[in-house]
């Protein structure tokens, strides 16, 4: 797949809330995921098992989703950029509006890294 094809498929899956399908179809086995943790430092998950576990952990913190969006991707070389947002009630934290810029890097037809900025 080209980076544009990956971006198009990722966009469709994200709009439908199908992150697990995106992980299975589009990610390299040793992909890396980096984002801020609750203390403000960076947290990195390496490999699909670790990324799936990180995603599961986040999902377990969500009490209720009230809405969300995924904006169309922009492709620049091997990179994909998408803005996403979610209005959700988080367990023990109340209702929050979360907005993030997502950066994905591709190589050999797969996503090899993702990074979230918020």
Protein backbone atom coordinates (compact mmCIF):
# COMPACT_ATOMS: atom_id res chain seq x y z
CA UNK A 1 0.00 0.00 0.00
CA UNK A 2 1.10 3.55 -0.64
CA UNK A 3 1.12 6.09 2.17
CA UNK A 4 -2.00 7.68 0.65
CA UNK A 5 -3.81 4.32 0.56
CA UNK A 6 -2.84 3.67 4.19
CA UNK A 7 -4.07 7.17 5.12
CA UNK A 8 -7.41 6.64 3.38
CA UNK A 9 -7.99 3.28 5.07
CA UNK A 10 -6.86 4.59 8.47
CA UNK A 11 -9.25 7.54 8.13
CA UNK A 12 -12.20 5.27 7.35
CA UNK A 13 -11.42 2.93 10.25
CA UNK A 14 -10.87 5.78 12.73
CA UNK A 15 -14.18 7.42 11.74
CA UNK A 16 -15.88 4.12 12.57
CA UNK A 17 -14.03 3.68 15.87
CA UNK A 18 -12.28 0.55 14.61
CA UNK A 19 -8.78 1.03 16.02
CA UNK A 20 -8.27 -2.72 16.52
CA UNK A 21 -8.96 -3.36 12.83
CA UNK A 22 -6.53 -0.55 11.94
CA UNK A 23 -3.87 -2.14 14.15
CA UNK A 24 -4.40 -5.55 12.55
CA UNK A 25 -4.45 -4.34 8.94
CA UNK A 26 -2.14 -1.36 8.77
CA UNK A 27 0.58 -1.61 11.43
CA UNK A 28 3.98 -3.29 11.30
CA UNK A 29 4.57 -5.91 14.00
CA UNK A 30 7.24 -3.76 15.70
CA UNK A 31 5.45 -0.42 15.41
CA UNK A 32 6.15 2.22 18.05
CA UNK A 33 3.54 4.44 19.74
CA UNK A 34 4.55 7.58 21.67
CA UNK A 35 2.40 10.03 23.62
CA UNK A 36 2.25 12.05 26.81
CA UNK A 37 1.34 10.21 29.98
CA UNK A 38 -0.77 11.63 32.81
CA UNK A 39 2.36 13.02 34.52
CA UNK A 40 3.36 14.98 31.40
CA UNK A 41 6.28 12.76 30.41
CA UNK A 42 6.52 10.69 27.24
CA UNK A 43 5.39 7.08 27.20
CA UNK A 44 6.42 4.69 24.43
CA UNK A 45 4.88 1.34 23.56
CA UNK A 46 6.91 -0.89 21.23
CA UNK A 47 5.31 -3.74 19.30
CA UNK A 48 1.69 -4.49 18.58
CA UNK A 49 1.05 -6.33 21.85
CA UNK A 50 2.16 -3.25 23.82
CA UNK A 51 0.17 -0.89 21.57
CA UNK A 52 -2.97 -3.02 21.92
CA UNK A 53 -2.51 -3.10 25.71
CA UNK A 54 -2.11 0.71 25.78
CA UNK A 55 -5.31 1.07 23.73
CA UNK A 56 -7.15 -1.34 26.03
CA UNK A 57 -5.98 0.62 29.08
CA UNK A 58 -7.29 3.87 27.61
CA UNK A 59 -10.63 2.28 26.67
CA UNK A 60 -11.03 0.99 30.23
CA UNK A 61 -10.76 4.59 31.49
CA UNK A 62 -13.67 5.77 29.32
CA UNK A 63 -17.02 5.76 31.07
CA UNK A 64 -19.11 7.19 28.22
CA UNK A 65 -18.43 8.67 24.78
CA UNK A 66 -20.67 11.63 23.94
CA UNK A 67 -19.21 12.41 20.51
CA UNK A 68 -16.08 12.62 18.45
CA UNK A 69 -14.57 13.36 15.08
CA UNK A 70 -11.70 12.48 12.78
CA UNK A 71 -10.57 15.02 10.18
CA UNK A 72 -9.38 13.93 6.75
CA UNK A 73 -5.68 13.01 6.64
CA UNK A 74 -2.86 15.01 5.12
CA UNK A 75 0.00 13.01 3.60
CA UNK A 76 3.52 14.40 3.40
CA UNK A 77 6.12 11.90 2.15
CA UNK A 78 5.97 8.84 4.42
CA UNK A 79 3.95 10.73 7.07
CA UNK A 80 0.21 10.93 7.73
CA UNK A 81 -1.29 13.69 9.88
CA UNK A 82 -4.87 13.62 11.22
CA UNK A 83 -6.69 15.63 13.85
CA UNK A 84 -9.04 13.68 16.11
CA UNK A 85 -11.27 14.69 18.96
CA UNK A 86 -13.47 13.01 21.51
CA UNK A 87 -16.05 14.27 23.99
CA UNK A 88 -16.09 11.65 26.74
CA UNK A 89 -16.69 11.13 30.42
CA UNK A 90 -13.57 9.57 31.91
CA UNK A 91 -13.77 7.42 35.04
CA UNK A 92 -12.89 9.54 38.06
CA UNK A 93 -12.10 12.61 35.92
CA UNK A 94 -15.48 13.76 34.62
CA UNK A 95 -16.42 14.90 31.16
CA UNK A 96 -13.60 16.06 28.90
CA UNK A 97 -13.18 17.39 25.38
CA UNK A 98 -9.97 15.91 24.02
CA UNK A 99 -8.30 17.08 20.81
CA UNK A 100 -5.11 15.60 19.40
CA UNK A 101 -2.94 15.77 16.32
CA UNK A 102 -1.89 12.31 15.23
CA UNK A 103 1.30 11.66 13.25
CA UNK A 104 1.89 8.30 11.60
CA UNK A 105 5.04 7.20 9.80
CA UNK A 106 4.91 4.52 7.11
CA UNK A 107 7.50 2.22 5.60
CA UNK A 108 7.14 -0.77 3.27
CA UNK A 109 3.35 -0.41 3.16
CA UNK A 110 2.79 -0.40 6.94
CA UNK A 111 2.57 2.11 9.79
CA UNK A 112 5.83 1.88 11.73
CA UNK A 113 5.17 4.62 14.28
CA UNK A 114 2.43 6.78 15.68
CA UNK A 115 2.71 9.86 17.85
CA UNK A 116 -0.05 11.86 19.50
CA UNK A 117 0.18 15.56 20.37
CA UNK A 118 -2.32 17.25 22.69
